[in-house]
């Protein structure tokens, strides 16, 4: 059994053979032996039967030997290409392909062209092995030369190594993909990020309900000498809810950081560590609950509450800083769009050939879209806890709209000179609006930094004063008997210090929502101080 088109060679050797008759497919060939051997070769393209008859002077036509060669037809190659499934969590432009052939491949290529224009087809070669099976992954457009803002149709084509039939090939299904512009990519990123931020905010609000549940559990435990089965079930329910809550927060925070990593370097990621610590505390709570150990359980509940509070503050900081980042980015992006539109309008005003109404309408529509974006930007900015200083551009917008509409009107009247005058004014005001936004964003950042420095100095002074006062109270408690009037006075002083420290905590947290340099370590230490103050008041109050 041989492949179709194989070159078959016969070599017969015989010391007593003088001639050989070779019959194949009714073709008879006689060979005279030379040095007791002969060679015969032929390409076989179909099933072939042949017969060998040998003769010499003493014996004619000795033993007719019958043979058959069976041909295996070379099959077409196969190709199966699918878009990467959602479960892989990769971009929709990824494609996974499988190729196979009975005798191997010669070439794998991608053919792509502008949607609906196959005559513009271009080709790119993909790497593949020379075996009979292979898999490949391709992310369109890869290294292919494409144009932004253009939709493409494309398919994959595999060629076998059958040179006799000009390398048979098979195509995959046709796929489509539009190459987004840089602005469209950024817009999609911002939209996706806003969705993740809103989802994370909802989970953080649910976390506050969990804190209320912790307080209820602690209050219930303190009122009873021993834990009952009902209490045990309540704690188990709390743990299950919290585990689900943590998974949600982890999922959304990872999506936010993934989006940020596509846009800028953001290596400071301790959220995962915080969530892992919470998981460990939940496991400890579960174990203590099974033992019905009341005192340790209460202590672990308080530890978990403080750990969760620290984590919530860190995630709230992540949400707010990310929102600020994208508001700032969107404002600068709008400024760039205005600048680009200004150049397009200027080009119309300077073109020697009169511009058409259609050209002007396109710019008018683009400016309306920018105005819609400005409204959304204002809404997002006002939602920030400390809004950025984005300039009011209402007056400029009215002037631009007036010039753009007038330019369109004059073009309709075939009055090119007046149209160009309005286009020139519109271009200048668009440029002015762009510069105004950029300057405001740059100046606002410096102003905010100066305010933060001033506030931080005040916070440090307050922290130092708190530390000295706390140390004095500690000494006073050591020298006072439990239950005395002086003891109760010191307890009130400790309560006052707790309130004072809350102001420090609020000030630092407020700063952290607009300044990433107030890192998670600061939030963690502030939380630990708050936890220890609460613990101290609880123990001092119980004598």
Protein backbone atom coordinates (compact mmCIF):
# COMPACT_ATOMS: atom_id res chain seq x y z
CA UNK A 1 0.00 0.00 0.00
CA UNK A 2 1.57 3.28 -1.10
CA UNK A 3 0.54 6.97 -1.43
CA UNK A 4 -0.75 8.16 -4.79
CA UNK A 5 2.00 9.40 -7.12
CA UNK A 6 4.77 7.39 -5.48
CA UNK A 7 7.75 6.53 -7.69
CA UNK A 8 8.07 2.72 -7.47
CA UNK A 9 11.36 1.04 -8.43
CA UNK A 10 11.74 -2.65 -9.23
CA UNK A 11 15.14 -4.30 -9.10
CA UNK A 12 15.40 -7.99 -10.05
CA UNK A 13 18.55 -10.03 -9.74
CA UNK A 14 19.03 -13.59 -11.02
CA UNK A 15 22.19 -15.44 -12.06
CA UNK A 16 20.39 -17.73 -14.53
CA UNK A 17 18.03 -15.05 -15.93
CA UNK A 18 18.66 -13.83 -19.43
CA UNK A 19 15.42 -11.88 -20.00
CA UNK A 20 12.43 -10.71 -17.98
CA UNK A 21 8.96 -9.75 -19.17
CA UNK A 22 7.28 -7.11 -16.97
CA UNK A 23 3.50 -6.77 -17.46
CA UNK A 24 1.78 -3.85 -15.76
CA UNK A 25 -1.72 -2.58 -16.70
CA UNK A 26 -1.52 -4.31 -20.13
CA UNK A 27 1.88 -2.75 -20.82
CA UNK A 28 4.48 -5.41 -21.50
CA UNK A 29 8.21 -4.65 -21.25
CA UNK A 30 11.03 -7.05 -21.94
CA UNK A 31 14.44 -6.53 -20.43
CA UNK A 32 17.65 -8.30 -21.19
CA UNK A 33 19.64 -8.96 -18.09
CA UNK A 34 22.79 -6.98 -17.66
CA UNK A 35 25.18 -8.21 -15.00
CA UNK A 36 22.39 -10.48 -13.78
CA UNK A 37 20.08 -7.56 -12.75
CA UNK A 38 17.79 -4.88 -14.12
CA UNK A 39 15.98 -1.77 -12.71
CA UNK A 40 12.56 -0.51 -13.73
CA UNK A 41 10.83 2.59 -12.21
CA UNK A 42 7.34 4.00 -12.62
CA UNK A 43 5.07 6.56 -10.90
CA UNK A 44 1.95 4.86 -9.55
CA UNK A 45 -1.25 6.95 -9.50
CA UNK A 46 -3.86 4.20 -9.28
CA UNK A 47 -4.20 0.60 -8.08
CA UNK A 48 -1.73 -1.43 -10.18
CA UNK A 49 -1.44 -5.15 -10.83
CA UNK A 50 1.74 -6.48 -12.40
CA UNK A 51 3.30 -9.81 -13.43
CA UNK A 52 6.90 -10.88 -13.65
CA UNK A 53 7.91 -13.73 -16.02
CA UNK A 54 11.53 -14.89 -16.28
CA UNK A 55 13.17 -16.91 -19.10
CA UNK A 56 16.57 -18.28 -20.13
CA UNK A 57 17.92 -20.67 -22.76
CA UNK A 58 16.81 -23.68 -20.83
CA UNK A 59 13.45 -22.56 -19.52
CA UNK A 60 10.87 -20.26 -21.07
CA UNK A 61 8.28 -18.25 -19.10
CA UNK A 62 9.13 -19.79 -15.78
CA UNK A 63 6.66 -19.05 -12.96
CA UNK A 64 4.34 -16.19 -13.68
CA UNK A 65 4.45 -14.15 -10.43
CA UNK A 66 1.36 -11.97 -9.77
CA UNK A 67 1.58 -8.79 -7.64
CA UNK A 68 -0.63 -5.81 -6.81
CA UNK A 69 0.10 -2.33 -5.51
CA UNK A 70 -2.81 -0.63 -3.67
CA UNK A 71 -2.95 3.16 -3.83
CA UNK A 72 -4.00 5.36 -0.89
CA UNK A 73 -5.49 8.62 -2.18
CA UNK A 74 -4.00 11.76 -0.58
CA UNK A 75 -6.87 13.42 1.34
CA UNK A 76 -7.59 17.13 1.67
CA UNK A 77 -6.30 18.72 4.88
CA UNK A 78 -8.80 19.73 7.61
CA UNK A 79 -9.00 22.96 9.57
CA UNK A 80 -11.23 23.97 12.48
CA UNK A 81 -10.98 27.50 13.91
CA UNK A 82 -13.09 28.82 16.79
CA UNK A 83 -13.16 32.09 18.68
CA UNK A 84 -11.67 31.69 22.16
CA UNK A 85 -14.47 30.75 24.64
CA UNK A 86 -15.47 33.11 27.47
CA UNK A 87 -14.16 30.61 30.02
CA UNK A 88 -10.59 31.40 28.96
CA UNK A 89 -11.12 35.07 29.92
CA UNK A 90 -9.15 36.41 26.99
CA UNK A 91 -9.88 39.11 24.44
CA UNK A 92 -12.53 38.34 21.80
CA UNK A 93 -9.91 38.78 19.06
CA UNK A 94 -8.24 35.45 20.02
CA UNK A 95 -8.83 32.44 17.76
CA UNK A 96 -7.90 28.82 18.43
CA UNK A 97 -7.32 26.51 15.46
CA UNK A 98 -6.71 22.81 14.82
CA UNK A 99 -5.25 21.50 11.55
CA UNK A 100 -4.67 17.94 10.32
CA UNK A 101 -3.56 16.13 7.17
CA UNK A 102 -2.67 12.54 6.37
CA UNK A 103 0.84 13.45 5.11
CA UNK A 104 1.61 16.84 6.68
CA UNK A 105 1.46 20.55 5.82
CA UNK A 106 3.38 22.93 3.64
CA UNK A 107 1.86 26.28 4.69
CA UNK A 108 -0.69 27.93 7.02
CA UNK A 109 -1.82 31.44 6.19
CA UNK A 110 -4.39 34.07 7.15
CA UNK A 111 -6.19 35.93 4.36
CA UNK A 112 -7.73 39.28 5.31
CA UNK A 113 -9.46 42.09 3.46
CA UNK A 114 -11.69 45.10 4.04
CA UNK A 115 -15.20 43.95 4.84
CA UNK A 116 -17.09 43.16 1.62
CA UNK A 117 -14.00 43.78 -0.58
CA UNK A 118 -12.31 40.37 -1.17
CA UNK A 119 -10.41 41.87 -4.11
CA UNK A 120 -8.26 43.80 -1.58
CA UNK A 121 -7.13 40.54 0.08
CA UNK A 122 -3.71 40.39 1.72
CA UNK A 123 -1.98 37.36 3.21
CA UNK A 124 0.10 36.60 6.24
CA UNK A 125 1.95 33.35 7.01
CA UNK A 126 1.57 31.61 10.37
CA UNK A 127 4.07 29.13 11.76
CA UNK A 128 3.19 25.44 11.86
CA UNK A 129 5.04 22.16 12.22
CA UNK A 130 5.57 19.63 9.43
CA UNK A 131 3.72 16.81 11.17
CA UNK A 132 0.22 15.54 10.53
CA UNK A 133 -1.51 17.51 13.35
CA UNK A 134 -1.03 20.94 14.92
CA UNK A 135 -2.81 23.62 16.92
CA UNK A 136 -2.40 27.38 16.75
CA UNK A 137 -3.58 30.51 18.55
CA UNK A 138 -3.89 33.83 16.76
CA UNK A 139 -4.99 37.25 17.99
CA UNK A 140 -6.27 39.40 15.14
CA UNK A 141 -4.65 41.54 13.79
CA UNK A 142 -1.36 40.35 15.35
CA UNK A 143 1.51 41.76 13.27
CA UNK A 144 -0.63 42.25 10.15
CA UNK A 145 -0.71 45.69 8.56
CA UNK A 146 -4.19 47.09 9.17
CA UNK A 147 -5.83 50.51 9.39
CA UNK A 148 -7.60 51.82 12.50
CA UNK A 149 -11.35 52.33 12.22
CA UNK A 150 -11.67 49.73 9.43
CA UNK A 151 -13.71 46.49 9.59
CA UNK A 152 -12.03 43.36 8.17
CA UNK A 153 -13.18 39.92 7.06
CA UNK A 154 -10.60 37.16 7.36
CA UNK A 155 -10.15 33.39 7.20
CA UNK A 156 -7.38 30.85 7.75
CA UNK A 157 -6.15 28.54 4.96
CA UNK A 158 -4.07 25.38 5.32
CA UNK A 159 -2.08 23.76 2.46
CA UNK A 160 -0.94 20.13 2.42
CA UNK A 161 2.40 18.96 0.94
CA UNK A 162 0.88 17.27 -2.14
CA UNK A 163 3.07 18.80 -4.84
CA UNK A 164 1.50 16.59 -7.54
CA UNK A 165 -1.84 18.35 -7.08
CA UNK A 166 -0.44 21.85 -6.49
CA UNK A 167 -0.70 21.66 -2.70
CA UNK A 168 -4.38 21.11 -1.91
CA UNK A 169 -5.86 23.66 0.51
CA UNK A 170 -8.89 24.13 2.77
CA UNK A 171 -10.27 27.35 4.27
CA UNK A 172 -11.81 28.01 7.66
CA UNK A 173 -15.02 29.93 8.27
CA UNK A 174 -14.88 33.67 7.62
CA UNK A 175 -14.58 35.89 10.71
CA UNK A 176 -15.01 39.63 11.11
CA UNK A 177 -13.28 42.15 13.31
CA UNK A 178 -13.17 45.93 13.37
CA UNK A 179 -9.90 47.64 14.28
CA UNK A 180 -10.78 50.25 16.89
CA UNK A 181 -9.15 53.65 16.93
CA UNK A 182 -7.09 54.70 19.96
CA UNK A 183 -9.92 56.95 21.13
CA UNK A 184 -12.47 54.12 20.80
CA UNK A 185 -10.20 51.78 22.77
CA UNK A 186 -9.90 54.32 25.58
CA UNK A 187 -13.66 54.99 25.57
CA UNK A 188 -14.41 51.26 25.82
CA UNK A 189 -11.85 50.89 28.62
CA UNK A 190 -13.44 53.73 30.58
CA UNK A 191 -16.95 52.33 30.08
CA UNK A 192 -15.85 48.87 31.21
CA UNK A 193 -14.03 50.33 34.20
CA UNK A 194 -17.07 52.34 35.28
CA UNK A 195 -19.15 49.16 35.25
CA UNK A 196 -16.59 47.37 37.46
CA UNK A 197 -16.34 50.34 39.83
CA UNK A 198 -20.12 50.53 40.26
CA UNK A 199 -20.29 46.78 40.96
CA UNK A 200 -17.51 46.99 43.56
CA UNK A 201 -19.24 49.94 45.26
CA UNK A 202 -22.40 47.84 45.64
CA UNK A 203 -20.45 45.01 47.30
CA UNK A 204 -18.79 47.50 49.67
CA UNK A 205 -22.23 48.76 50.74
CA UNK A 206 -23.24 45.17 51.48
CA UNK A 207 -20.11 44.82 53.61
CA UNK A 208 -21.42 47.49 56.00
CA UNK A 209 -24.45 45.22 56.63
CA UNK A 210 -22.00 42.45 57.58
CA UNK A 211 -20.44 44.77 60.19
CA UNK A 212 -23.91 45.23 61.72
CA UNK A 213 -24.27 41.44 61.84
CA UNK A 214 -20.94 41.16 63.69
CA UNK A 215 -22.15 43.68 66.30
CA UNK A 216 -25.39 41.72 66.74
CA UNK A 217 -23.45 38.47 67.22
CA UNK A 218 -21.13 40.06 69.77
CA UNK A 219 -24.02 41.62 71.68
CA UNK A 220 -25.90 38.32 71.71
CA UNK A 221 -22.82 36.42 72.96
CA UNK A 222 -22.16 38.89 75.77
CA UNK A 223 -25.71 38.51 77.10
CA UNK A 224 -25.37 34.71 77.39
CA UNK A 225 -23.11 32.55 79.48
CA UNK A 226 -22.77 29.84 76.86
CA UNK A 227 -23.29 29.65 73.12
CA UNK A 228 -26.38 27.79 71.96
CA UNK A 229 -26.89 25.79 68.75
CA UNK A 230 -28.97 28.69 67.37
CA UNK A 231 -26.03 31.06 67.92
CA UNK A 232 -23.74 28.59 66.19
CA UNK A 233 -26.04 28.54 63.16
CA UNK A 234 -26.11 32.36 63.05
CA UNK A 235 -22.31 32.46 62.98
CA UNK A 236 -22.20 29.81 60.24
CA UNK A 237 -24.65 31.88 58.15
CA UNK A 238 -22.50 34.97 58.72
CA UNK A 239 -19.34 33.11 57.59
CA UNK A 240 -21.04 31.84 54.40
CA UNK A 241 -22.29 35.34 53.52
CA UNK A 242 -18.86 36.83 54.16
CA UNK A 243 -17.08 34.23 52.03
CA UNK A 244 -19.40 35.03 49.12
CA UNK A 245 -18.90 38.75 49.76
CA UNK A 246 -15.11 38.39 49.73
CA UNK A 247 -15.20 36.50 46.43
CA UNK A 248 -17.22 39.30 44.83
CA UNK A 249 -14.86 41.99 46.12
CA UNK A 250 -11.85 40.01 44.96
CA UNK A 251 -13.34 39.51 41.49
CA UNK A 252 -14.22 43.17 40.91
CA UNK A 253 -10.98 44.54 42.38
CA UNK A 254 -8.98 42.24 40.07
CA UNK A 255 -10.97 43.44 37.05
CA UNK A 256 -10.32 47.07 38.01
CA UNK A 257 -6.59 46.46 38.41
CA UNK A 258 -6.50 44.51 35.14
CA UNK A 259 -8.04 47.48 33.32
CA UNK A 260 -5.60 49.85 35.00
CA UNK A 261 -2.67 47.67 33.99
CA UNK A 262 -3.77 48.01 30.34
CA UNK A 263 -3.66 51.77 30.73
CA UNK A 264 -0.78 52.43 33.14
CA UNK A 265 1.67 50.62 35.39
CA UNK A 266 0.09 49.85 38.75
CA UNK A 267 2.17 47.37 40.70
CA UNK A 268 0.95 48.30 44.20
CA UNK A 269 -1.57 45.51 44.74
CA UNK A 270 -2.07 44.32 48.30
CA UNK A 271 -5.82 43.76 48.03
CA UNK A 272 -5.30 40.05 47.42
CA UNK A 273 -3.20 39.76 50.60
CA UNK A 274 -5.92 41.52 52.57
CA UNK A 275 -8.59 39.14 51.26
CA UNK A 276 -6.39 36.13 52.03
CA UNK A 277 -5.99 37.37 55.62
CA UNK A 278 -9.78 37.65 55.89
CA UNK A 279 -10.13 34.08 54.62
CA UNK A 280 -7.73 32.87 57.31
CA UNK A 281 -9.72 34.69 60.02
CA UNK A 282 -12.97 33.20 58.69
CA UNK A 283 -11.44 29.70 58.90
CA UNK A 284 -10.44 30.40 62.51
CA UNK A 285 -13.96 31.63 63.27
CA UNK A 286 -15.38 28.43 61.80
CA UNK A 287 -13.10 26.28 63.96
CA UNK A 288 -13.88 28.25 67.15
CA UNK A 289 -17.61 28.13 66.40
CA UNK A 290 -17.45 24.32 66.25
CA UNK A 291 -15.73 24.29 69.66
CA UNK A 292 -18.33 26.75 71.06
CA UNK A 293 -15.48 28.79 72.60
CA UNK A 294 -17.28 32.04 73.51
CA UNK A 295 -14.41 34.35 74.58
CA UNK A 296 -12.05 33.47 71.75
CA UNK A 297 -14.92 33.67 69.28
CA UNK A 298 -15.77 37.23 70.34
CA UNK A 299 -12.13 38.25 70.05
CA UNK A 300 -11.83 36.75 66.56
CA UNK A 301 -15.06 38.44 65.48
CA UNK A 302 -13.60 41.80 66.53
CA UNK A 303 -10.32 41.03 64.73
CA UNK A 304 -12.21 40.08 61.61
CA UNK A 305 -14.33 43.23 61.79
CA UNK A 306 -11.24 45.44 61.98
CA UNK A 307 -9.46 43.52 59.22
CA UNK A 308 -12.55 43.90 57.02
CA UNK A 309 -12.77 47.61 57.80
CA UNK A 310 -9.15 48.06 56.71
CA UNK A 311 -9.89 46.10 53.55
CA UNK A 312 -13.02 48.16 52.80
CA UNK A 313 -11.06 51.39 53.20
CA UNK A 314 -8.39 50.09 50.84
CA UNK A 315 -11.00 49.14 48.24
CA UNK A 316 -12.84 52.45 48.68
CA UNK A 317 -9.53 54.19 48.06
CA UNK A 318 -8.99 52.05 44.95
CA UNK A 319 -12.47 52.93 43.65
CA UNK A 320 -12.13 56.66 44.30
CA UNK A 321 -8.58 56.98 42.95
CA UNK A 322 -9.52 55.00 39.85
CA UNK A 323 -12.55 57.22 39.29
CA UNK A 324 -10.36 60.32 39.67
CA UNK A 325 -7.80 58.88 37.27
CA UNK A 326 -10.39 58.24 34.59
CA UNK A 327 -12.13 61.59 35.07
CA UNK A 328 -8.75 63.26 34.59
CA UNK A 329 -7.97 61.03 31.61
CA UNK A 330 -11.39 61.61 30.03
CA UNK A 331 -11.01 65.40 30.45
CA UNK A 332 -7.63 65.33 28.68
CA UNK A 333 -9.06 63.03 26.01
CA UNK A 334 -11.89 65.49 25.34
CA UNK A 335 -9.33 68.30 25.15
CA UNK A 336 -7.43 66.29 22.49
CA UNK A 337 -10.65 65.71 20.52
CA UNK A 338 -11.38 69.44 20.61
CA UNK A 339 -7.87 70.18 19.38
CA UNK A 340 -8.24 67.68 16.52
CA UNK A 341 -11.65 69.11 15.59
CA UNK A 342 -10.13 72.60 15.61
CA UNK A 343 -7.54 71.50 13.06
CA UNK A 344 -10.19 69.90 10.83
CA UNK A 345 -12.30 73.07 10.91
CA UNK A 346 -9.24 75.21 10.20
CA UNK A 347 -8.43 73.01 7.21
CA UNK A 348 -11.94 73.63 5.82
CA UNK A 349 -11.54 77.39 6.28
CA UNK A 350 -8.17 77.44 4.46
CA UNK A 351 -9.01 75.02 1.64
CA UNK A 352 -8.95 76.74 -1.76
CA UNK A 353 -11.86 74.56 -2.86
CA UNK A 354 -15.14 75.50 -1.13
CA UNK A 355 -16.08 72.90 1.50
CA UNK A 356 -19.37 71.05 1.16
CA UNK A 357 -22.29 71.13 3.55
CA UNK A 358 -21.62 67.43 4.22
CA UNK A 359 -18.07 68.21 5.45
CA UNK A 360 -19.40 70.87 7.81
CA UNK A 361 -22.23 68.66 9.08
CA UNK A 362 -19.72 65.97 10.03
CA UNK A 363 -17.79 68.42 12.24
CA UNK A 364 -21.03 69.80 13.73
CA UNK A 365 -22.11 66.26 14.72
CA UNK A 366 -18.70 65.49 16.21
CA UNK A 367 -18.89 68.62 18.37
CA UNK A 368 -22.37 67.62 19.59
CA UNK A 369 -20.94 64.22 20.58
CA UNK A 370 -18.15 65.98 22.51
CA UNK A 371 -20.74 68.11 24.32
CA UNK A 372 -22.55 64.93 25.39
CA UNK A 373 -19.24 63.58 26.68
CA UNK A 374 -18.69 66.81 28.63
CA UNK A 375 -22.06 66.37 30.36
CA UNK A 376 -21.14 62.81 31.35
CA UNK A 377 -17.74 64.02 32.53
CA UNK A 378 -19.34 66.70 34.70
CA UNK A 379 -21.68 64.08 36.19
CA UNK A 380 -18.79 61.68 36.97
CA UNK A 381 -16.67 64.49 38.38
CA UNK A 382 -19.44 65.71 40.71
CA UNK A 383 -19.81 62.14 41.98
CA UNK A 384 -16.22 62.25 43.30
CA UNK A 385 -15.75 62.95 47.00
CA UNK A 386 -13.27 65.71 46.03
CA UNK A 387 -14.18 66.81 42.48
CA UNK A 388 -11.47 67.98 40.10
CA UNK A 389 -11.39 71.58 38.93
CA UNK A 390 -12.84 71.22 35.41
CA UNK A 391 -13.47 74.64 33.82
CA UNK A 392 -16.93 75.83 32.86
CA UNK A 393 -17.02 76.02 29.05
CA UNK A 394 -20.68 76.95 28.50
CA UNK A 395 -19.90 80.36 26.95
CA UNK A 396 -17.32 78.92 24.56
CA UNK A 397 -19.66 76.09 23.61
CA UNK A 398 -22.40 78.57 22.68
CA UNK A 399 -19.99 80.57 20.51
CA UNK A 400 -18.73 77.43 18.79
CA UNK A 401 -22.24 76.17 18.13
CA UNK A 402 -23.20 79.55 16.70
CA UNK A 403 -20.16 79.60 14.36
CA UNK A 404 -20.62 76.00 13.25
CA UNK A 405 -24.32 76.46 12.48
CA UNK A 406 -23.65 79.73 10.68
CA UNK A 407 -20.93 78.08 8.57
CA UNK A 408 -23.38 75.36 7.55
CA UNK A 409 -26.08 77.94 6.75
CA UNK A 410 -23.71 80.02 4.57
CA UNK A 411 -22.58 76.91 2.70
CA UNK A 412 -26.21 76.12 1.94
CA UNK A 413 -26.52 79.65 0.51
CA UNK A 414 -23.36 79.10 -1.57
CA UNK A 415 -21.70 82.00 0.28
CA UNK A 416 -18.19 80.53 0.63
CA UNK A 417 -16.42 83.65 1.98
CA UNK A 418 -18.80 84.10 4.95
CA UNK A 419 -18.74 80.37 5.59
CA UNK A 420 -14.93 80.41 5.80
CA UNK A 421 -15.05 83.31 8.28
CA UNK A 422 -17.36 81.35 10.59
CA UNK A 423 -15.21 78.23 10.19
CA UNK A 424 -12.13 80.21 11.17
CA UNK A 425 -13.85 81.57 14.32
CA UNK A 426 -15.10 78.10 15.24
CA UNK A 427 -11.61 76.68 14.83
CA UNK A 428 -10.09 79.35 17.11
CA UNK A 429 -12.72 78.82 19.83
CA UNK A 430 -12.31 75.05 19.66
CA UNK A 431 -8.57 75.53 20.17
CA UNK A 432 -9.20 77.92 23.07
CA UNK A 433 -11.59 75.44 24.72
CA UNK A 434 -9.03 72.64 24.38
CA UNK A 435 -6.23 74.71 25.92
CA UNK A 436 -8.50 75.89 28.73
CA UNK A 437 -9.26 72.29 29.76
CA UNK A 438 -5.64 71.14 29.60
CA UNK A 439 -4.34 74.10 31.62
CA UNK A 440 -7.06 73.67 34.26
CA UNK A 441 -6.25 69.97 34.71
CA UNK A 442 -2.51 70.63 35.06
CA UNK A 443 -2.97 73.58 37.46
CA UNK A 444 -5.57 71.77 39.57
CA UNK A 445 -3.19 68.89 40.25
CA UNK A 446 -0.50 71.20 41.66
CA UNK A 447 -3.03 73.13 43.76
CA UNK A 448 -4.42 69.89 45.22
CA UNK A 449 -0.92 68.70 46.11
CA UNK A 450 -0.21 71.91 48.04
CA UNK A 451 -3.47 71.55 49.98
CA UNK A 452 -2.63 67.94 50.85
CA UNK A 453 0.83 68.89 52.14
CA UNK A 454 -0.71 71.54 54.39
CA UNK A 455 -3.36 69.12 55.71
CA UNK A 456 -0.79 66.37 56.28
CA UNK A 457 1.30 68.65 58.49
CA UNK A 458 -1.79 69.37 60.61
CA UNK A 459 -2.60 65.65 60.84
CA UNK A 460 0.95 64.87 61.99
CA UNK A 461 0.68 67.52 64.73
CA UNK A 462 -2.64 66.00 65.85
CA UNK A 463 -1.14 62.49 65.87
CA UNK A 464 1.75 63.61 68.03
CA UNK A 465 -0.62 65.34 70.48
CA UNK A 466 -2.82 62.22 70.59
CA UNK A 467 0.18 59.97 71.26
CA UNK A 468 1.33 62.11 74.21
CA UNK A 469 -2.21 62.27 75.66
CA UNK A 470 -2.66 58.50 75.29
CA UNK A 471 0.61 57.88 77.11
CA UNK A 472 -0.51 60.15 79.99
CA UNK A 473 -3.83 58.27 80.32
CA UNK A 474 -1.98 54.94 80.41
CA UNK A 475 0.12 56.15 83.37
CA UNK A 476 -2.97 57.47 85.15
CA UNK A 477 -4.80 54.15 84.83
CA UNK A 478 -1.83 52.29 86.28
CA UNK A 479 -1.92 54.49 89.38
CA UNK A 480 -5.72 54.29 89.89
CA UNK A 481 -7.92 51.62 91.48
CA UNK A 482 -10.79 50.09 89.55
CA UNK A 483 -14.17 51.54 90.50
CA UNK A 484 -12.90 54.79 92.00
CA UNK A 485 -14.24 58.17 90.87
CA UNK A 486 -10.84 58.99 89.37
CA UNK A 487 -10.90 55.73 87.40
CA UNK A 488 -14.23 56.66 85.78
CA UNK A 489 -12.83 60.12 85.00
CA UNK A 490 -9.88 58.55 83.19
CA UNK A 491 -12.30 56.29 81.29
CA UNK A 492 -14.14 59.38 80.01
CA UNK A 493 -10.80 60.88 78.97
CA UNK A 494 -10.08 57.68 77.00
CA UNK A 495 -13.47 58.04 75.29
CA UNK A 496 -12.58 61.64 74.36
CA UNK A 497 -9.25 60.47 72.92
CA UNK A 498 -11.12 57.93 70.83
CA UNK A 499 -13.22 60.75 69.34
CA UNK A 500 -10.10 62.85 68.69
CA UNK A 501 -8.40 59.95 66.93
CA UNK A 502 -11.51 59.48 64.78
CA UNK A 503 -10.89 62.99 63.39
CA UNK A 504 -7.29 61.99 62.52
CA UNK A 505 -8.57 58.81 60.88
CA UNK A 506 -11.17 60.73 58.84
CA UNK A 507 -8.61 63.33 57.70
CA UNK A 508 -6.11 60.72 56.52
CA UNK A 509 -8.79 58.67 54.79
CA UNK A 510 -10.12 61.79 53.06
CA UNK A 511 -6.60 62.50 51.78
CA UNK A 512 -6.10 58.89 50.66
CA UNK A 513 -9.15 59.19 48.38
CA UNK A 514 -7.32 61.73 46.22
CA UNK A 515 -3.67 60.85 46.86
CA UNK A 516 -2.32 57.35 46.18
CA UNK A 517 0.76 58.04 48.33
CA UNK A 518 -1.40 57.54 51.45
CA UNK A 519 -0.88 53.82 50.97
CA UNK A 520 -2.55 50.76 52.45
CA UNK A 521 0.09 50.48 55.18
CA UNK A 522 -1.12 53.78 56.64
CA UNK A 523 -4.75 52.61 56.53
CA UNK A 524 -3.75 49.35 58.21
CA UNK A 525 -1.86 51.04 61.07
CA UNK A 526 -4.67 53.56 61.65
CA UNK A 527 -7.10 50.64 61.79
CA UNK A 528 -4.94 48.81 64.31
CA UNK A 529 -4.88 51.87 66.58
CA UNK A 530 -8.68 52.14 66.34
CA UNK A 531 -9.03 48.41 67.16
CA UNK A 532 -6.76 48.68 70.21
CA UNK A 533 -8.58 51.79 71.50
CA UNK A 534 -11.95 49.98 71.25
CA UNK A 535 -10.49 46.89 72.90
CA UNK A 536 -8.98 48.95 75.71
CA UNK A 537 -12.26 50.81 76.41
CA UNK A 538 -14.17 47.51 76.43
CA UNK A 539 -11.79 45.88 78.92
CA UNK A 540 -11.41 48.98 81.10
CA UNK A 541 -15.20 49.39 81.20
CA UNK A 542 -15.61 45.79 82.40
CA UNK A 543 -13.02 46.36 85.14
